[in-house]
PDB file of N, CA and C in Angstrom:
ATOM      1  N   MET A   1     -49.843 -30.619  74.656  1.00  0.00           N
ATOM      2  CA  MET A   1     -48.419 -30.851  74.966  1.00  0.00           C
ATOM      3  C   MET A   1     -47.509 -30.317  73.795  1.00  0.00           C
ATOM      4  N   GLY A   2     -48.081 -30.424  72.416  1.00  0.00           N
ATOM      5  CA  GLY A   2     -47.315 -30.293  71.294  1.00  0.00           C
ATOM      6  C   GLY A   2     -46.918 -28.789  71.389  1.00  0.00           C
ATOM      7  N   ILE A   3     -47.719 -27.737  71.447  1.00  0.00           N
ATOM      8  CA  ILE A   3     -47.139 -26.390  71.378  1.00  0.00           C
ATOM      9  C   ILE A   3     -46.224 -26.117  72.492  1.00  0.00           C
ATOM     10  N   ILE A   4     -46.271 -26.687  73.349  1.00  0.00           N
ATOM     11  CA  ILE A   4     -45.321 -26.483  74.555  1.00  0.00           C
ATOM     12  C   ILE A   4     -43.766 -27.004  74.221  1.00  0.00           C
ATOM     13  N   ALA A   5     -43.914 -28.193  73.390  1.00  0.00           N
ATOM     14  CA  ALA A   5     -42.575 -28.889  73.140  1.00  0.00           C
ATOM     15  C   ALA A   5     -42.038 -28.047  71.554  1.00  0.00           C
ATOM     16  N   TRP A   6     -42.972 -27.410  70.892  1.00  0.00           N
ATOM     17  CA  TRP A   6     -42.348 -26.469  69.999  1.00  0.00           C
ATOM     18  C   TRP A   6     -41.604 -25.238  70.353  1.00  0.00           C
ATOM     19  N   LEU A   7     -42.463 -24.670  71.404  1.00  0.00           N
ATOM     20  CA  LEU A   7     -41.869 -23.582  72.181  1.00  0.00           C
ATOM     21  C   LEU A   7     -40.436 -23.872  72.688  1.00  0.00           C
ATOM     22  N   ILE A   8     -40.321 -25.076  73.613  1.00  0.00           N
ATOM     23  CA  ILE A   8     -39.307 -25.220  73.696  1.00  0.00           C
ATOM     24  C   ILE A   8     -38.183 -25.456  72.685  1.00  0.00           C
ATOM     25  N   PHE A   9     -38.365 -26.125  71.690  1.00  0.00           N
ATOM     26  CA  PHE A   9     -37.450 -26.224  70.584  1.00  0.00           C
ATOM     27  C   PHE A   9     -37.275 -25.021  69.962  1.00  0.00           C
ATOM     28  N   GLY A  10     -38.088 -24.125  69.854  1.00  0.00           N
ATOM     29  CA  GLY A  10     -37.611 -22.717  69.141  1.00  0.00           C
ATOM     30  C   GLY A  10     -36.876 -21.962  70.048  1.00  0.00           C
ATOM     31  N   GLY A  11     -37.247 -22.084  71.474  1.00  0.00           N
ATOM     32  CA  GLY A  11     -36.337 -21.398  72.406  1.00  0.00           C
ATOM     33  C   GLY A  11     -34.853 -21.840  72.464  1.00  0.00           C
ATOM     34  N   LEU A  12     -34.677 -23.364  72.214  1.00  0.00           N
ATOM     35  CA  LEU A  12     -33.223 -23.800  72.264  1.00  0.00           C
ATOM     36  C   LEU A  12     -32.647 -23.376  71.019  1.00  0.00           C
ATOM     37  N   ALA A  13     -33.312 -23.471  70.017  1.00  0.00           N
ATOM     38  CA  ALA A  13     -32.568 -23.030  68.685  1.00  0.00           C
ATOM     39  C   ALA A  13     -32.451 -21.579  68.622  1.00  0.00           C
ATOM     40  N   GLY A  14     -33.295 -20.586  69.090  1.00  0.00           N
ATOM     41  CA  GLY A  14     -32.980 -19.232  69.279  1.00  0.00           C
ATOM     42  C   GLY A  14     -31.868 -18.969  70.048  1.00  0.00           C
ATOM     43  N   TRP A  15     -31.659 -19.753  71.246  1.00  0.00           N
ATOM     44  CA  TRP A  15     -30.493 -19.486  72.164  1.00  0.00           C
ATOM     45  C   TRP A  15     -29.320 -19.993  71.582  1.00  0.00           C
ATOM     46  N   ILE A  16     -29.369 -21.102  71.055  1.00  0.00           N
ATOM     47  CA  ILE A  16     -27.940 -21.489  70.359  1.00  0.00           C
ATOM     48  C   ILE A  16     -27.505 -20.724  69.126  1.00  0.00           C
ATOM     49  N   ALA A  17     -28.629 -20.012  68.606  1.00  0.00           N
ATOM     50  CA  ALA A  17     -28.175 -19.101  67.451  1.00  0.00           C
ATOM     51  C   ALA A  17     -27.905 -17.893  68.141  1.00  0.00           C
ATOM     52  N   SER A  18     -28.298 -17.239  68.968  1.00  0.00           N
ATOM     53  CA  SER A  18     -27.865 -16.041  69.768  1.00  0.00           C
ATOM     54  C   SER A  18     -26.588 -16.220  70.261  1.00  0.00           C
ATOM     55  N   LYS A  19     -26.156 -17.545  70.724  1.00  0.00           N
ATOM     56  CA  LYS A  19     -24.765 -17.644  71.476  1.00  0.00           C
ATOM     57  C   LYS A  19     -23.782 -17.738  70.044  1.00  0.00           C
ATOM     58  N   ILE A  20     -24.200 -18.302  69.048  1.00  0.00           N
ATOM     59  CA  ILE A  20     -23.319 -18.338  67.847  1.00  0.00           C
ATOM     60  C   ILE A  20     -23.191 -16.859  67.281  1.00  0.00           C
ATOM     61  N   MET A  21     -24.073 -16.135  67.418  1.00  0.00           N
ATOM     62  CA  MET A  21     -23.819 -14.741  66.721  1.00  0.00           C
ATOM     63  C   MET A  21     -23.707 -13.653  67.484  1.00  0.00           C
ATOM     64  N   GLY A  22     -23.544 -14.024  68.810  1.00  0.00           N
ATOM     65  CA  GLY A  22     -22.923 -13.083  69.927  1.00  0.00           C
ATOM     66  C   GLY A  22     -23.998 -12.105  70.225  1.00  0.00           C
ATOM     67  N   THR A  23     -25.283 -12.412  70.421  1.00  0.00           N
ATOM     68  CA  THR A  23     -26.394 -11.567  70.602  1.00  0.00           C
ATOM     69  C   THR A  23     -27.155 -12.028  71.747  1.00  0.00           C
ATOM     70  N   ASP A  24     -26.590 -12.895  72.482  1.00  0.00           N
ATOM     71  CA  ASP A  24     -27.406 -13.529  73.814  1.00  0.00           C
ATOM     72  C   ASP A  24     -27.496 -12.448  74.989  1.00  0.00           C
ATOM     73  N   ALA A  25     -26.588 -11.631  75.018  1.00  0.00           N
ATOM     74  CA  ALA A  25     -26.777 -10.523  76.277  1.00  0.00           C
ATOM     75  C   ALA A  25     -27.803  -9.584  75.997  1.00  0.00           C
ATOM     76  N   GLN A  26     -28.278  -9.524  74.587  1.00  0.00           N
ATOM     77  CA  GLN A  26     -29.461  -8.549  74.321  1.00  0.00           C
ATOM     78  C   GLN A  26     -30.832  -9.249  74.297  1.00  0.00           C
ATOM     79  N   GLN A  27     -30.822 -10.660  74.390  1.00  0.00           N
ATOM     80  CA  GLN A  27     -32.004 -11.253  74.153  1.00  0.00           C
ATOM     81  C   GLN A  27     -32.543 -11.880  75.413  1.00  0.00           C
ATOM     82  N   GLY A  28     -33.721 -11.951  75.726  1.00  0.00           N
ATOM     83  CA  GLY A  28     -34.310 -12.779  76.785  1.00  0.00           C
ATOM     84  C   GLY A  28     -35.054 -13.991  76.310  1.00  0.00           C
ATOM     85  N   ILE A  29     -35.658 -14.605  77.118  1.00  0.00           N
ATOM     86  CA  ILE A  29     -36.105 -16.118  76.715  1.00  0.00           C
ATOM     87  C   ILE A  29     -37.434 -15.951  75.783  1.00  0.00           C
ATOM     88  N   LEU A  30     -38.245 -15.071  75.720  1.00  0.00           N
ATOM     89  CA  LEU A  30     -39.139 -14.681  74.908  1.00  0.00           C
ATOM     90  C   LEU A  30     -38.695 -14.475  73.498  1.00  0.00           C
ATOM     91  N   LEU A  31     -37.492 -13.490  73.305  1.00  0.00           N
ATOM     92  CA  LEU A  31     -36.990 -13.252  72.076  1.00  0.00           C
ATOM     93  C   LEU A  31     -36.248 -14.303  71.475  1.00  0.00           C
ATOM     94  N   ASN A  32     -35.584 -15.219  72.325  1.00  0.00           N
ATOM     95  CA  ASN A  32     -34.927 -16.454  71.936  1.00  0.00           C
ATOM     96  C   ASN A  32     -36.234 -17.418  71.167  1.00  0.00           C
ATOM     97  N   ILE A  33     -37.127 -17.619  71.841  1.00  0.00           N
ATOM     98  CA  ILE A  33     -38.342 -18.399  71.447  1.00  0.00           C
ATOM     99  C   ILE A  33     -38.800 -17.802  70.156  1.00  0.00           C
ATOM    100  N   ILE A  34     -38.922 -16.385  70.000  1.00  0.00           N
ATOM    101  CA  ILE A  34     -39.424 -15.836  68.713  1.00  0.00           C
ATOM    102  C   ILE A  34     -38.247 -16.189  67.570  1.00  0.00           C
ATOM    103  N   VAL A  35     -37.034 -15.703  67.716  1.00  0.00           N
ATOM    104  CA  VAL A  35     -35.866 -16.124  66.963  1.00  0.00           C
ATOM    105  C   VAL A  35     -35.984 -17.502  66.489  1.00  0.00           C
ATOM    106  N   GLY A  36     -36.199 -18.478  67.564  1.00  0.00           N
ATOM    107  CA  GLY A  36     -36.104 -19.774  67.040  1.00  0.00           C
ATOM    108  C   GLY A  36     -36.991 -20.244  66.073  1.00  0.00           C
ATOM    109  N   ILE A  37     -38.389 -19.841  66.558  1.00  0.00           N
ATOM    110  CA  ILE A  37     -39.541 -20.235  65.718  1.00  0.00           C
ATOM    111  C   ILE A  37     -39.458 -19.502  64.263  1.00  0.00           C
ATOM    112  N   VAL A  38     -39.150 -18.312  64.159  1.00  0.00           N
ATOM    113  CA  VAL A  38     -39.138 -17.733  62.841  1.00  0.00           C
ATOM    114  C   VAL A  38     -37.720 -18.302  62.206  1.00  0.00           C
ATOM    115  N   GLY A  39     -36.770 -18.302  62.933  1.00  0.00           N
ATOM    116  CA  GLY A  39     -35.381 -19.009  62.199  1.00  0.00           C
ATOM    117  C   GLY A  39     -35.880 -20.499  61.683  1.00  0.00           C
ATOM    118  N   ALA A  40     -36.723 -21.244  62.422  1.00  0.00           N
ATOM    119  CA  ALA A  40     -37.017 -22.360  61.792  1.00  0.00           C
ATOM    120  C   ALA A  40     -37.783 -22.365  60.420  1.00  0.00           C
ATOM    121  N   MET A  41     -38.668 -21.189  60.441  1.00  0.00           N
ATOM    122  CA  MET A  41     -39.479 -21.056  59.183  1.00  0.00           C
ATOM    123  C   MET A  41     -38.350 -20.788  58.044  1.00  0.00           C
ATOM    124  N   ILE A  42     -37.420 -19.729  58.598  1.00  0.00           N
ATOM    125  CA  ILE A  42     -36.763 -19.487  57.283  1.00  0.00           C
ATOM    126  C   ILE A  42     -35.673 -20.560  56.816  1.00  0.00           C
ATOM    127  N   GLY A  43     -35.094 -21.310  58.023  1.00  0.00           N
ATOM    128  CA  GLY A  43     -34.276 -22.490  57.668  1.00  0.00           C
ATOM    129  C   GLY A  43     -35.032 -23.472  56.836  1.00  0.00           C
ATOM    130  N   GLY A  44     -36.333 -23.683  57.205  1.00  0.00           N
ATOM    131  CA  GLY A  44     -36.948 -24.860  56.514  1.00  0.00           C
ATOM    132  C   GLY A  44     -37.300 -24.307  55.041  1.00  0.00           C
ATOM    133  N   PHE A  45     -37.796 -23.078  55.025  1.00  0.00           N
ATOM    134  CA  PHE A  45     -37.916 -22.576  53.451  1.00  0.00           C
ATOM    135  C   PHE A  45     -36.566 -22.642  52.632  1.00  0.00           C
ATOM    136  N   LEU A  46     -35.421 -22.229  53.287  1.00  0.00           N
ATOM    137  CA  LEU A  46     -34.162 -22.287  52.390  1.00  0.00           C
ATOM    138  C   LEU A  46     -33.666 -23.604  52.114  1.00  0.00           C
ATOM    139  N   GLY A  47     -34.008 -24.447  53.297  1.00  0.00           N
ATOM    140  CA  GLY A  47     -33.651 -25.538  53.131  1.00  0.00           C
ATOM    141  C   GLY A  47     -34.279 -26.428  52.236  1.00  0.00           C
ATOM    142  N   SER A  48     -35.477 -26.576  52.117  1.00  0.00           N
ATOM    143  CA  SER A  48     -36.170 -27.241  51.368  1.00  0.00           C
ATOM    144  C   SER A  48     -36.186 -26.682  49.936  1.00  0.00           C
ATOM    145  N   ASN A  49     -35.758 -25.162  49.679  1.00  0.00           N
ATOM    146  CA  ASN A  49     -35.700 -25.004  48.209  1.00  0.00           C
ATOM    147  C   ASN A  49     -34.471 -25.126  47.827  1.00  0.00           C
ATOM    148  N   LEU A  50     -33.287 -25.150  48.494  1.00  0.00           N
ATOM    149  CA  LEU A  50     -31.983 -25.132  48.113  1.00  0.00           C
ATOM    150  C   LEU A  50     -31.488 -26.318  48.312  1.00  0.00           C
ATOM    151  N   LEU A  51     -31.635 -27.224  49.325  1.00  0.00           N
ATOM    152  CA  LEU A  51     -31.246 -28.442  49.467  1.00  0.00           C
ATOM    153  C   LEU A  51     -32.058 -29.648  49.585  1.00  0.00           C
ATOM    154  N   GLY A  52     -33.256 -29.557  49.655  1.00  0.00           N
ATOM    155  CA  GLY A  52     -34.521 -30.525  49.674  1.00  0.00           C
ATOM    156  C   GLY A  52     -34.602 -31.251  51.002  1.00  0.00           C
ATOM    157  N   ILE A  53     -34.118 -30.312  52.167  1.00  0.00           N
ATOM    158  CA  ILE A  53     -34.194 -30.764  53.481  1.00  0.00           C
ATOM    159  C   ILE A  53     -35.091 -29.497  54.198  1.00  0.00           C
ATOM    160  N   GLY A  54     -35.665 -29.905  55.357  1.00  0.00           N
ATOM    161  CA  GLY A  54     -36.391 -28.845  56.059  1.00  0.00           C
ATOM    162  C   GLY A  54     -36.955 -29.499  57.472  1.00  0.00           C
ATOM    163  N   ILE A  55     -37.851 -28.912  57.899  1.00  0.00           N
ATOM    164  CA  ILE A  55     -38.347 -29.141  59.484  1.00  0.00           C
ATOM    165  C   ILE A  55     -39.268 -30.222  59.106  1.00  0.00           C
ATOM    166  N   THR A  56     -38.798 -31.462  59.669  1.00  0.00           N
ATOM    167  CA  THR A  56     -39.737 -32.676  59.575  1.00  0.00           C
ATOM    168  C   THR A  56     -40.155 -33.230  61.060  1.00  0.00           C
ATOM    169  N   GLY A  57     -40.079 -32.686  61.876  1.00  0.00           N
ATOM    170  CA  GLY A  57     -40.463 -33.066  63.211  1.00  0.00           C
ATOM    171  C   GLY A  57     -39.343 -32.837  64.364  1.00  0.00           C
ATOM    172  N   PHE A  58     -39.394 -33.552  65.525  1.00  0.00           N
ATOM    173  CA  PHE A  58     -38.480 -33.263  66.326  1.00  0.00           C
ATOM    174  C   PHE A  58     -36.843 -34.222  66.039  1.00  0.00           C
ATOM    175  N   ASN A  59     -36.202 -33.830  65.251  1.00  0.00           N
ATOM    176  CA  ASN A  59     -35.087 -34.534  65.112  1.00  0.00           C
ATOM    177  C   ASN A  59     -33.778 -33.622  65.146  1.00  0.00           C
ATOM    178  N   ILE A  60     -32.517 -34.113  64.905  1.00  0.00           N
ATOM    179  CA  ILE A  60     -31.341 -33.395  65.065  1.00  0.00           C
ATOM    180  C   ILE A  60     -31.304 -32.429  63.570  1.00  0.00           C
ATOM    181  N   THR A  61     -31.773 -33.066  62.283  1.00  0.00           N
ATOM    182  CA  THR A  61     -31.518 -32.422  61.452  1.00  0.00           C
ATOM    183  C   THR A  61     -32.647 -31.276  61.050  1.00  0.00           C
ATOM    184  N   SER A  62     -33.691 -31.327  61.981  1.00  0.00           N
ATOM    185  CA  SER A  62     -34.606 -30.310  62.084  1.00  0.00           C
ATOM    186  C   SER A  62     -34.234 -29.158  62.929  1.00  0.00           C
ATOM    187  N   PHE A  63     -33.520 -29.628  63.903  1.00  0.00           N
ATOM    188  CA  PHE A  63     -32.770 -28.521  64.850  1.00  0.00           C
ATOM    189  C   PHE A  63     -31.646 -27.869  64.282  1.00  0.00           C
ATOM    190  N   LEU A  64     -31.179 -28.656  63.380  1.00  0.00           N
ATOM    191  CA  LEU A  64     -29.912 -27.796  62.891  1.00  0.00           C
ATOM    192  C   LEU A  64     -30.594 -26.911  61.931  1.00  0.00           C
ATOM    193  N   VAL A  65     -31.402 -27.355  60.866  1.00  0.00           N
ATOM    194  CA  VAL A  65     -32.213 -26.260  60.231  1.00  0.00           C
ATOM    195  C   VAL A  65     -32.686 -25.046  60.676  1.00  0.00           C
ATOM    196  N   ALA A  66     -33.333 -25.180  62.027  1.00  0.00           N
ATOM    197  CA  ALA A  66     -33.655 -24.268  62.923  1.00  0.00           C
ATOM    198  C   ALA A  66     -32.705 -23.224  63.170  1.00  0.00           C
ATOM    199  N   VAL A  67     -31.481 -23.911  63.780  1.00  0.00           N
ATOM    200  CA  VAL A  67     -30.391 -23.223  64.269  1.00  0.00           C
ATOM    201  C   VAL A  67     -29.864 -22.182  63.130  1.00  0.00           C
ATOM    202  N   VAL A  68     -29.676 -22.927  61.870  1.00  0.00           N
ATOM    203  CA  VAL A  68     -29.084 -22.088  60.809  1.00  0.00           C
ATOM    204  C   VAL A  68     -30.069 -21.016  60.560  1.00  0.00           C
ATOM    205  N   GLY A  69     -31.304 -21.224  60.333  1.00  0.00           N
ATOM    206  CA  GLY A  69     -32.414 -20.335  60.038  1.00  0.00           C
ATOM    207  C   GLY A  69     -32.242 -19.153  60.932  1.00  0.00           C
ATOM    208  N   ALA A  70     -32.215 -19.401  62.150  1.00  0.00           N
ATOM    209  CA  ALA A  70     -32.079 -18.222  63.310  1.00  0.00           C
ATOM    210  C   ALA A  70     -30.912 -17.482  63.343  1.00  0.00           C
ATOM    211  N   CYS A  71     -29.789 -18.217  62.719  1.00  0.00           N
ATOM    212  CA  CYS A  71     -28.580 -17.484  62.624  1.00  0.00           C
ATOM    213  C   CYS A  71     -28.649 -16.397  61.334  1.00  0.00           C
ATOM    214  N   VAL A  72     -29.302 -16.841  60.429  1.00  0.00           N
ATOM    215  CA  VAL A  72     -29.581 -16.075  59.180  1.00  0.00           C
ATOM    216  C   VAL A  72     -30.190 -15.137  59.540  1.00  0.00           C
ATOM    217  N   LEU A  73     -31.492 -15.287  60.457  1.00  0.00           N
ATOM    218  CA  LEU A  73     -32.347 -13.922  60.663  1.00  0.00           C
ATOM    219  C   LEU A  73     -31.628 -13.088  61.685  1.00  0.00           C
ATOM    220  N   LEU A  74     -30.825 -13.611  62.513  1.00  0.00           N
ATOM    221  CA  LEU A  74     -29.939 -12.716  63.456  1.00  0.00           C
ATOM    222  C   LEU A  74     -28.935 -11.658  62.497  1.00  0.00           C
ATOM    223  N   PHE A  75     -28.477 -12.570  61.516  1.00  0.00           N
ATOM    224  CA  PHE A  75     -27.457 -11.718  60.561  1.00  0.00           C
ATOM    225  C   PHE A  75     -28.326 -10.490  59.958  1.00  0.00           C
ATOM    226  N   LEU A  76     -29.409 -11.037  59.456  1.00  0.00           N
ATOM    227  CA  LEU A  76     -30.022  -9.861  58.821  1.00  0.00           C
ATOM    228  C   LEU A  76     -30.653  -8.892  59.619  1.00  0.00           C
ATOM    229  N   VAL A  77     -30.936  -9.066  60.923  1.00  0.00           N
ATOM    230  CA  VAL A  77     -31.563  -8.157  61.742  1.00  0.00           C
ATOM    231  C   VAL A  77     -30.149  -7.129  62.197  1.00  0.00           C
ATOM    232  N   GLY A  78     -29.242  -7.639  62.271  1.00  0.00           N
ATOM    233  CA  GLY A  78     -27.858  -7.154  62.419  1.00  0.00           C
ATOM    234  C   GLY A  78     -27.405  -5.994  61.361  1.00  0.00           C
ATOM    235  N   LEU A  79     -27.548  -6.477  60.116  1.00  0.00           N
ATOM    236  CA  LEU A  79     -27.624  -5.785  58.858  1.00  0.00           C
ATOM    237  C   LEU A  79     -28.550  -4.290  58.838  1.00  0.00           C
ATOM    238  N   PHE A  80     -29.584  -4.759  59.338  1.00  0.00           N
ATOM    239  CA  PHE A  80     -30.604  -3.546  59.498  1.00  0.00           C
ATOM    240  C   PHE A  80     -30.639  -2.556  60.570  1.00  0.00           C
ATOM    241  N   THR A  81     -29.801  -3.101  61.377  1.00  0.00           N
ATOM    242  CA  THR A  81     -29.594  -2.266  62.781  1.00  0.00           C
ATOM    243  C   THR A  81     -28.447  -1.773  62.569  1.00  0.00           C
ATOM    244  N   GLY A  82     -27.606  -2.028  61.672  1.00  0.00           N
ATOM    245  CA  GLY A  82     -26.151  -1.326  61.538  1.00  0.00           C
ATOM    246  C   GLY A  82     -25.336  -2.105  62.346  1.00  0.00           C
ATOM    247  N   GLY A  83     -25.651  -3.190  63.169  1.00  0.00           N
ATOM    248  CA  GLY A  83     -24.761  -4.015  63.752  1.00  0.00           C
ATOM    249  C   GLY A  83     -24.499  -3.628  65.278  1.00  0.00           C
ATOM    250  N   ARG A  84     -25.508  -2.526  65.608  1.00  0.00           N
ATOM    251  CA  ARG A  84     -25.175  -2.043  66.988  1.00  0.00           C
ATOM    252  C   ARG A  84     -25.502  -2.960  68.059  1.00  0.00           C
ATOM    253  N   ARG A  85     -24.506  -3.051  69.212  1.00  0.00           N
ATOM    254  CA  ARG A  85     -24.725  -3.632  70.163  1.00  0.00           C
ATOM    255  C   ARG A  85     -25.090  -2.977  71.313  1.00  0.00           C
ATOM    256  N   ARG A  86     -25.807  -3.319  72.339  1.00  0.00           N
ATOM    257  CA  ARG A  86     -26.230  -2.618  73.705  1.00  0.00           C
ATOM    258  C   ARG A  86     -25.271  -3.274  74.505  1.00  0.00           C
ATOM    259  N   VAL A  87     -24.664  -2.525  75.580  1.00  0.00           N
ATOM    260  CA  VAL A  87     -23.725  -3.033  76.748  1.00  0.00           C
ATOM    261  C   VAL A  87     -24.404  -3.047  77.925  1.00  0.00           C
TER     262      VAL A  87
END
């Protein structure tokens, strides 16, 4: 059950980040999960090194760290792709 919970956690974080960054129309559920999980790693790394907070389990602080990390990831991807959006 643990892996399924983390996939749902990552999917929700990736979906919210894609809504914030305006890339939701380009992403499906699989990409939202990947963005959320990678974003959680980025957010955990940045949060623990800069602010002393990170992913500590299933709580609101960890979720916010994951969403911020996913937004950072989507921003960086947008920089490297030139900000192109498919319609």
